Amino acid sequence: MKIGSARLPLSWQPGLPLAGYSKRNLPASGTHRELFVRAIAFASDDDQLRLCLISIETLCVDRALTQRIRSAISSATGIPT
């Protein structure tokens, strides 16, 4: 079995709409702490079975972003969507 992992910072521009608190009504004005995207990939020794799990430190991810991420992973690795 082969295993690989990665962690990359998740960055955005000030002005991004925020969620998570009922009284929040202003967009992002800066960064309180760095957020990350994490991935771990598994493959059998013969590459017949491959799997990639992604974790993103966000409140939600919509279907459109999910599809773009899956397509990018599939193009880069050959893992089917």
PDB file of N, CA and C in Angstrom:
ATOM      1  N   MET A   1       0.839  -1.170   0.000  1.00  0.00           N
ATOM      2  CA  MET A   1       0.000   0.000   0.000  1.00  0.00           C
ATOM      3  C   MET A   1       0.888   1.239   0.000  1.00  0.00           C
ATOM      4  N   LYS A   2       0.469   2.243  -0.781  1.00  0.00           N
ATOM      5  CA  LYS A   2       1.166   3.524  -0.832  1.00  0.00           C
ATOM      6  C   LYS A   2       0.256   4.585  -0.212  1.00  0.00           C
ATOM      7  N   ILE A   3       0.846   5.493   0.558  1.00  0.00           N
ATOM      8  CA  ILE A   3       0.084   6.551   1.223  1.00  0.00           C
ATOM      9  C   ILE A   3       0.853   7.858   1.084  1.00  0.00           C
ATOM     10  N   GLY A   4       0.132   8.932   0.794  1.00  0.00           N
ATOM     11  CA  GLY A   4       0.738  10.260   0.736  1.00  0.00           C
ATOM     12  C   GLY A   4      -0.194  11.276   1.353  1.00  0.00           C
ATOM     13  N   SER A   5       0.359  12.347   1.881  1.00  0.00           N
ATOM     14  CA  SER A   5      -0.485  13.381   2.475  1.00  0.00           C
ATOM     15  C   SER A   5       0.095  14.754   2.189  1.00  0.00           C
ATOM     16  N   ALA A   6      -0.768  15.775   2.321  1.00  0.00           N
ATOM     17  CA  ALA A   6      -0.341  17.154   2.094  1.00  0.00           C
ATOM     18  C   ALA A   6      -1.233  18.083   2.896  1.00  0.00           C
ATOM     19  N   ARG A   7      -0.678  19.255   3.212  1.00  0.00           N
ATOM     20  CA  ARG A   7      -1.432  20.311   3.885  1.00  0.00           C
ATOM     21  C   ARG A   7      -1.022  21.624   3.241  1.00  0.00           C
ATOM     22  N   LEU A   8      -2.001  22.364   2.752  1.00  0.00           N
ATOM     23  CA  LEU A   8      -1.742  23.647   2.113  1.00  0.00           C
ATOM     24  C   LEU A   8      -2.597  24.721   2.764  1.00  0.00           C
ATOM     25  N   PRO A   9      -2.081  25.950   2.868  1.00  0.00           N
ATOM     26  CA  PRO A   9      -2.894  27.020   3.435  1.00  0.00           C
ATOM     27  C   PRO A   9      -4.040  27.383   2.495  1.00  0.00           C
ATOM     28  N   LEU A  10      -5.169  27.684   3.084  1.00  0.00           N
ATOM     29  CA  LEU A  10      -6.354  28.132   2.343  1.00  0.00           C
ATOM     30  C   LEU A  10      -6.378  29.647   2.468  1.00  0.00           C
ATOM     31  N   SER A  11      -6.250  30.346   1.359  1.00  0.00           N
ATOM     32  CA  SER A  11      -6.184  31.805   1.427  1.00  0.00           C
ATOM     33  C   SER A  11      -7.341  32.422   0.668  1.00  0.00           C
ATOM     34  N   TRP A  12      -7.687  33.615   1.045  1.00  0.00           N
ATOM     35  CA  TRP A  12      -8.750  34.359   0.392  1.00  0.00           C
ATOM     36  C   TRP A  12      -8.463  35.841   0.523  1.00  0.00           C
ATOM     37  N   GLN A  13      -9.173  36.625  -0.255  1.00  0.00           N
ATOM     38  CA  GLN A  13      -9.012  38.069  -0.241  1.00  0.00           C
ATOM     39  C   GLN A  13      -9.958  38.696   0.774  1.00  0.00           C
ATOM     40  N   PRO A  14      -9.556  39.798   1.428  1.00  0.00           N
ATOM     41  CA  PRO A  14     -10.499  40.524   2.278  1.00  0.00           C
ATOM     42  C   PRO A  14     -11.737  40.897   1.464  1.00  0.00           C
ATOM     43  N   GLY A  15     -12.876  40.914   2.118  1.00  0.00           N
ATOM     44  CA  GLY A  15     -14.139  41.208   1.444  1.00  0.00           C
ATOM     45  C   GLY A  15     -14.995  39.980   1.228  1.00  0.00           C
ATOM     46  N   LEU A  16     -14.441  38.790   1.506  1.00  0.00           N
ATOM     47  CA  LEU A  16     -15.196  37.552   1.353  1.00  0.00           C
ATOM     48  C   LEU A  16     -16.354  37.534   2.350  1.00  0.00           C
ATOM     49  N   PRO A  17     -17.565  37.212   1.918  1.00  0.00           N
ATOM     50  CA  PRO A  17     -18.679  37.105   2.873  1.00  0.00           C
ATOM     51  C   PRO A  17     -18.392  35.998   3.886  1.00  0.00           C
ATOM     52  N   LEU A  18     -18.742  36.235   5.137  1.00  0.00           N
ATOM     53  CA  LEU A  18     -18.492  35.278   6.205  1.00  0.00           C
ATOM     54  C   LEU A  18     -19.801  34.753   6.774  1.00  0.00           C
ATOM     55  N   ALA A  19     -19.720  33.618   7.420  1.00  0.00           N
ATOM     56  CA  ALA A  19     -20.880  33.009   8.068  1.00  0.00           C
ATOM     57  C   ALA A  19     -20.413  32.401   9.382  1.00  0.00           C
ATOM     58  N   GLY A  20     -21.364  31.937  10.174  1.00  0.00           N
ATOM     59  CA  GLY A  20     -21.006  31.234  11.387  1.00  0.00           C
ATOM     60  C   GLY A  20     -21.485  31.898  12.657  1.00  0.00           C
ATOM     61  N   TYR A  21     -21.808  33.171  12.606  1.00  0.00           N
ATOM     62  CA  TYR A  21     -22.322  33.886  13.765  1.00  0.00           C
ATOM     63  C   TYR A  21     -23.554  34.671  13.340  1.00  0.00           C
ATOM     64  N   SER A  22     -24.605  34.627  14.140  1.00  0.00           N
ATOM     65  CA  SER A  22     -25.874  35.256  13.735  1.00  0.00           C
ATOM     66  C   SER A  22     -25.767  36.767  13.599  1.00  0.00           C
ATOM     67  N   LYS A  23     -24.888  37.427  14.333  1.00  0.00           N
ATOM     68  CA  LYS A  23     -24.781  38.887  14.266  1.00  0.00           C
ATOM     69  C   LYS A  23     -23.712  39.363  13.285  1.00  0.00           C
ATOM     70  N   ARG A  24     -23.120  38.446  12.560  1.00  0.00           N
ATOM     71  CA  ARG A  24     -22.089  38.827  11.599  1.00  0.00           C
ATOM     72  C   ARG A  24     -22.758  39.442  10.379  1.00  0.00           C
ATOM     73  N   ASN A  25     -22.389  40.661  10.042  1.00  0.00           N
ATOM     74  CA  ASN A  25     -22.988  41.308   8.873  1.00  0.00           C
ATOM     75  C   ASN A  25     -21.946  42.022   8.009  1.00  0.00           C
ATOM     76  N   LEU A  26     -20.683  41.868   8.326  1.00  0.00           N
ATOM     77  CA  LEU A  26     -19.626  42.484   7.540  1.00  0.00           C
ATOM     78  C   LEU A  26     -18.760  41.399   6.893  1.00  0.00           C
ATOM     79  N   PRO A  27     -18.168  41.696   5.744  1.00  0.00           N
ATOM     80  CA  PRO A  27     -17.282  40.713   5.104  1.00  0.00           C
ATOM     81  C   PRO A  27     -15.946  40.625   5.838  1.00  0.00           C
ATOM     82  N   ALA A  28     -15.130  39.676   5.441  1.00  0.00           N
ATOM     83  CA  ALA A  28     -13.808  39.485   6.039  1.00  0.00           C
ATOM     84  C   ALA A  28     -12.959  40.741   5.843  1.00  0.00           C
ATOM     85  N   SER A  29     -12.289  41.146   6.904  1.00  0.00           N
ATOM     86  CA  SER A  29     -11.413  42.315   6.821  1.00  0.00           C
ATOM     87  C   SER A  29      -9.945  41.917   7.027  1.00  0.00           C
ATOM     88  N   GLY A  30      -9.703  40.676   7.366  1.00  0.00           N
ATOM     89  CA  GLY A  30      -8.346  40.205   7.598  1.00  0.00           C
ATOM     90  C   GLY A  30      -8.369  38.731   7.963  1.00  0.00           C
ATOM     91  N   THR A  31      -7.281  38.254   8.536  1.00  0.00           N
ATOM     92  CA  THR A  31      -7.159  36.849   8.906  1.00  0.00           C
ATOM     93  C   THR A  31      -6.934  36.733  10.404  1.00  0.00           C
ATOM     94  N   HIS A  32      -7.786  35.969  11.077  1.00  0.00           N
ATOM     95  CA  HIS A  32      -7.618  35.713  12.504  1.00  0.00           C
ATOM     96  C   HIS A  32      -6.594  34.601  12.714  1.00  0.00           C
ATOM     97  N   ARG A  33      -6.721  33.522  11.946  1.00  0.00           N
ATOM     98  CA  ARG A  33      -5.752  32.426  11.969  1.00  0.00           C
ATOM     99  C   ARG A  33      -5.769  31.756  10.610  1.00  0.00           C
ATOM    100  N   GLU A  34      -4.659  31.146  10.277  1.00  0.00           N
ATOM    101  CA  GLU A  34      -4.544  30.478   8.983  1.00  0.00           C
ATOM    102  C   GLU A  34      -5.396  29.214   8.959  1.00  0.00           C
ATOM    103  N   LEU A  35      -6.099  29.012   7.852  1.00  0.00           N
ATOM    104  CA  LEU A  35      -6.891  27.801   7.642  1.00  0.00           C
ATOM    105  C   LEU A  35      -6.180  26.940   6.612  1.00  0.00           C
ATOM    106  N   PHE A  36      -6.511  25.633   6.618  1.00  0.00           N
ATOM    107  CA  PHE A  36      -5.786  24.711   5.746  1.00  0.00           C
ATOM    108  C   PHE A  36      -6.721  23.776   4.982  1.00  0.00           C
ATOM    109  N   VAL A  37      -6.211  23.310   3.856  1.00  0.00           N
ATOM    110  CA  VAL A  37      -6.789  22.202   3.103  1.00  0.00           C
ATOM    111  C   VAL A  37      -5.840  21.035   3.316  1.00  0.00           C
ATOM    112  N   ARG A  38      -6.383  19.893   3.692  1.00  0.00           N
ATOM    113  CA  ARG A  38      -5.560  18.703   3.923  1.00  0.00           C
ATOM    114  C   ARG A  38      -6.023  17.582   3.002  1.00  0.00           C
ATOM    115  N   ALA A  39      -5.083  16.777   2.572  1.00  0.00           N
ATOM    116  CA  ALA A  39      -5.419  15.638   1.714  1.00  0.00           C
ATOM    117  C   ALA A  39      -4.588  14.438   2.130  1.00  0.00           C
ATOM    118  N   ILE A  40      -5.194  13.280   1.996  1.00  0.00           N
ATOM    119  CA  ILE A  40      -4.461  12.028   2.175  1.00  0.00           C
ATOM    120  C   ILE A  40      -4.889  11.098   1.037  1.00  0.00           C
ATOM    121  N   ALA A  41      -3.917  10.487   0.419  1.00  0.00           N
ATOM    122  CA  ALA A  41      -4.191   9.605  -0.717  1.00  0.00           C
ATOM    123  C   ALA A  41      -3.661   8.212  -0.411  1.00  0.00           C
ATOM    124  N   PHE A  42      -4.426   7.225  -0.819  1.00  0.00           N
ATOM    125  CA  PHE A  42      -4.076   5.818  -0.629  1.00  0.00           C
ATOM    126  C   PHE A  42      -4.095   5.135  -1.989  1.00  0.00           C
ATOM    127  N   ALA A  43      -3.180   4.212  -2.205  1.00  0.00           N
ATOM    128  CA  ALA A  43      -3.176   3.406  -3.427  1.00  0.00           C
ATOM    129  C   ALA A  43      -2.671   2.016  -3.090  1.00  0.00           C
ATOM    130  N   SER A  44      -3.263   1.033  -3.742  1.00  0.00           N
ATOM    131  CA  SER A  44      -2.749  -0.329  -3.598  1.00  0.00           C
ATOM    132  C   SER A  44      -1.404  -0.407  -4.307  1.00  0.00           C
ATOM    133  N   ASP A  45      -0.617  -1.415  -3.988  1.00  0.00           N
ATOM    134  CA  ASP A  45       0.708  -1.547  -4.589  1.00  0.00           C
ATOM    135  C   ASP A  45       0.660  -1.615  -6.112  1.00  0.00           C
ATOM    136  N   ASP A  46      -0.414  -2.188  -6.663  1.00  0.00           N
ATOM    137  CA  ASP A  46      -0.542  -2.291  -8.115  1.00  0.00           C
ATOM    138  C   ASP A  46      -1.340  -1.135  -8.727  1.00  0.00           C
ATOM    139  N   ASP A  47      -1.702  -0.132  -7.914  1.00  0.00           N
ATOM    140  CA  ASP A  47      -2.459   1.057  -8.342  1.00  0.00           C
ATOM    141  C   ASP A  47      -3.857   0.728  -8.866  1.00  0.00           C
ATOM    142  N   GLN A  48      -4.347  -0.458  -8.598  1.00  0.00           N
ATOM    143  CA  GLN A  48      -5.695  -0.816  -9.033  1.00  0.00           C
ATOM    144  C   GLN A  48      -6.765  -0.120  -8.181  1.00  0.00           C
ATOM    145  N   LEU A  49      -6.422   0.188  -6.942  1.00  0.00           N
ATOM    146  CA  LEU A  49      -7.357   0.857  -6.033  1.00  0.00           C
ATOM    147  C   LEU A  49      -6.708   2.140  -5.552  1.00  0.00           C
ATOM    148  N   ARG A  50      -7.368   3.271  -5.811  1.00  0.00           N
ATOM    149  CA  ARG A  50      -6.841   4.567  -5.389  1.00  0.00           C
ATOM    150  C   ARG A  50      -7.956   5.385  -4.757  1.00  0.00           C
ATOM    151  N   LEU A  51      -7.608   6.117  -3.714  1.00  0.00           N
ATOM    152  CA  LEU A  51      -8.583   6.912  -2.969  1.00  0.00           C
ATOM    153  C   LEU A  51      -7.904   8.174  -2.471  1.00  0.00           C
ATOM    154  N   CYS A  52      -8.615   9.298  -2.529  1.00  0.00           N
ATOM    155  CA  CYS A  52      -8.091  10.564  -2.018  1.00  0.00           C
ATOM    156  C   CYS A  52      -9.162  11.205  -1.142  1.00  0.00           C
ATOM    157  N   LEU A  53      -8.818  11.512   0.100  1.00  0.00           N
ATOM    158  CA  LEU A  53      -9.737  12.182   1.021  1.00  0.00           C
ATOM    159  C   LEU A  53      -9.254  13.616   1.221  1.00  0.00           C
ATOM    160  N   ILE A  54     -10.185  14.566   1.154  1.00  0.00           N
ATOM    161  CA  ILE A  54      -9.873  15.989   1.283  1.00  0.00           C
ATOM    162  C   ILE A  54     -10.612  16.558   2.480  1.00  0.00           C
ATOM    163  N   SER A  55      -9.941  17.394   3.251  1.00  0.00           N
ATOM    164  CA  SER A  55     -10.542  18.105   4.376  1.00  0.00           C
ATOM    165  C   SER A  55     -10.264  19.594   4.199  1.00  0.00           C
ATOM    166  N   ILE A  56     -11.325  20.411   4.236  1.00  0.00           N
ATOM    167  CA  ILE A  56     -11.190  21.852   4.057  1.00  0.00           C
ATOM    168  C   ILE A  56     -11.770  22.544   5.286  1.00  0.00           C
ATOM    169  N   GLU A  57     -11.014  23.451   5.882  1.00  0.00           N
ATOM    170  CA  GLU A  57     -11.474  24.156   7.073  1.00  0.00           C
ATOM    171  C   GLU A  57     -12.397  25.312   6.685  1.00  0.00           C
ATOM    172  N   THR A  58     -13.594  24.965   6.254  1.00  0.00           N
ATOM    173  CA  THR A  58     -14.611  25.952   5.925  1.00  0.00           C
ATOM    174  C   THR A  58     -15.929  25.507   6.535  1.00  0.00           C
ATOM    175  N   LEU A  59     -16.877  26.426   6.569  1.00  0.00           N
ATOM    176  CA  LEU A  59     -18.187  26.102   7.112  1.00  0.00           C
ATOM    177  C   LEU A  59     -18.965  25.203   6.155  1.00  0.00           C
ATOM    178  N   CYS A  60     -18.841  25.471   4.859  1.00  0.00           N
ATOM    179  CA  CYS A  60     -19.546  24.641   3.882  1.00  0.00           C
ATOM    180  C   CYS A  60     -18.824  24.699   2.538  1.00  0.00           C
ATOM    181  N   VAL A  61     -19.103  23.703   1.712  1.00  0.00           N
ATOM    182  CA  VAL A  61     -18.576  23.635   0.347  1.00  0.00           C
ATOM    183  C   VAL A  61     -19.757  23.278  -0.544  1.00  0.00           C
ATOM    184  N   ASP A  62     -20.007  24.100  -1.563  1.00  0.00           N
ATOM    185  CA  ASP A  62     -21.167  23.835  -2.418  1.00  0.00           C
ATOM    186  C   ASP A  62     -20.847  22.777  -3.480  1.00  0.00           C
ATOM    187  N   ARG A  63     -21.873  22.332  -4.162  1.00  0.00           N
ATOM    188  CA  ARG A  63     -21.729  21.267  -5.158  1.00  0.00           C
ATOM    189  C   ARG A  63     -20.797  21.678  -6.297  1.00  0.00           C
ATOM    190  N   ALA A  64     -20.856  22.942  -6.718  1.00  0.00           N
ATOM    191  CA  ALA A  64     -20.014  23.395  -7.829  1.00  0.00           C
ATOM    192  C   ALA A  64     -18.527  23.296  -7.470  1.00  0.00           C
ATOM    193  N   LEU A  65     -18.158  23.725  -6.260  1.00  0.00           N
ATOM    194  CA  LEU A  65     -16.760  23.621  -5.839  1.00  0.00           C
ATOM    195  C   LEU A  65     -16.353  22.161  -5.687  1.00  0.00           C
ATOM    196  N   THR A  66     -17.240  21.353  -5.137  1.00  0.00           N
ATOM    197  CA  THR A  66     -16.956  19.920  -5.003  1.00  0.00           C
ATOM    198  C   THR A  66     -16.658  19.299  -6.365  1.00  0.00           C
ATOM    199  N   GLN A  67     -17.456  19.625  -7.368  1.00  0.00           N
ATOM    200  CA  GLN A  67     -17.244  19.078  -8.711  1.00  0.00           C
ATOM    201  C   GLN A  67     -15.925  19.551  -9.307  1.00  0.00           C
ATOM    202  N   ARG A  68     -15.569  20.832  -9.106  1.00  0.00           N
ATOM    203  CA  ARG A  68     -14.291  21.339  -9.625  1.00  0.00           C
ATOM    204  C   ARG A  68     -13.115  20.637  -8.955  1.00  0.00           C
ATOM    205  N   ILE A  69     -13.203  20.424  -7.644  1.00  0.00           N
ATOM    206  CA  ILE A  69     -12.129  19.732  -6.928  1.00  0.00           C
ATOM    207  C   ILE A  69     -12.011  18.296  -7.416  1.00  0.00           C
ATOM    208  N   ARG A  70     -13.139  17.606  -7.537  1.00  0.00           N
ATOM    209  CA  ARG A  70     -13.110  16.216  -7.999  1.00  0.00           C
ATOM    210  C   ARG A  70     -12.533  16.110  -9.409  1.00  0.00           C
ATOM    211  N   SER A  71     -12.913  17.032 -10.289  1.00  0.00           N
ATOM    212  CA  SER A  71     -12.392  17.013 -11.659  1.00  0.00           C
ATOM    213  C   SER A  71     -10.885  17.263 -11.690  1.00  0.00           C
ATOM    214  N   ALA A  72     -10.409  18.208 -10.870  1.00  0.00           N
ATOM    215  CA  ALA A  72      -8.982  18.500 -10.826  1.00  0.00           C
ATOM    216  C   ALA A  72      -8.197  17.304 -10.299  1.00  0.00           C
ATOM    217  N   ILE A  73      -8.707  16.649  -9.271  1.00  0.00           N
ATOM    218  CA  ILE A  73      -8.031  15.471  -8.727  1.00  0.00           C
ATOM    219  C   ILE A  73      -8.012  14.357  -9.765  1.00  0.00           C
ATOM    220  N   SER A  74      -9.133  14.152 -10.439  1.00  0.00           N
ATOM    221  CA  SER A  74      -9.218  13.103 -11.447  1.00  0.00           C
ATOM    222  C   SER A  74      -8.240  13.370 -12.587  1.00  0.00           C
ATOM    223  N   SER A  75      -8.161  14.624 -13.043  1.00  0.00           N
ATOM    224  CA  SER A  75      -7.233  14.961 -14.132  1.00  0.00           C
ATOM    225  C   SER A  75      -5.783  14.768 -13.728  1.00  0.00           C
ATOM    226  N   ALA A  76      -5.459  15.105 -12.486  1.00  0.00           N
ATOM    227  CA  ALA A  76      -4.077  15.013 -12.020  1.00  0.00           C
ATOM    228  C   ALA A  76      -3.639  13.598 -11.661  1.00  0.00           C
ATOM    229  N   THR A  77      -4.607  12.759 -11.237  1.00  0.00           N
ATOM    230  CA  THR A  77      -4.233  11.456 -10.701  1.00  0.00           C
ATOM    231  C   THR A  77      -4.801  10.266 -11.447  1.00  0.00           C
ATOM    232  N   GLY A  78      -5.853  10.492 -12.227  1.00  0.00           N
ATOM    233  CA  GLY A  78      -6.518   9.378 -12.886  1.00  0.00           C
ATOM    234  C   GLY A  78      -7.546   8.692 -12.004  1.00  0.00           C
ATOM    235  N   ILE A  79      -7.744   9.191 -10.771  1.00  0.00           N
ATOM    236  CA  ILE A  79      -8.774   8.633  -9.905  1.00  0.00           C
ATOM    237  C   ILE A  79     -10.125   9.023 -10.486  1.00  0.00           C
ATOM    238  N   PRO A  80     -11.012   8.073 -10.762  1.00  0.00           N
ATOM    239  CA  PRO A  80     -12.307   8.425 -11.353  1.00  0.00           C
ATOM    240  C   PRO A  80     -13.173   9.207 -10.371  1.00  0.00           C
ATOM    241  N   THR A  81     -14.026  10.062 -10.931  1.00  0.00           N
ATOM    242  CA  THR A  81     -14.925  10.864 -10.084  1.00  0.00           C
ATOM    243  C   THR A  81     -16.167  10.073  -9.728  1.00  0.00           C
TER     244      THR A  81
END
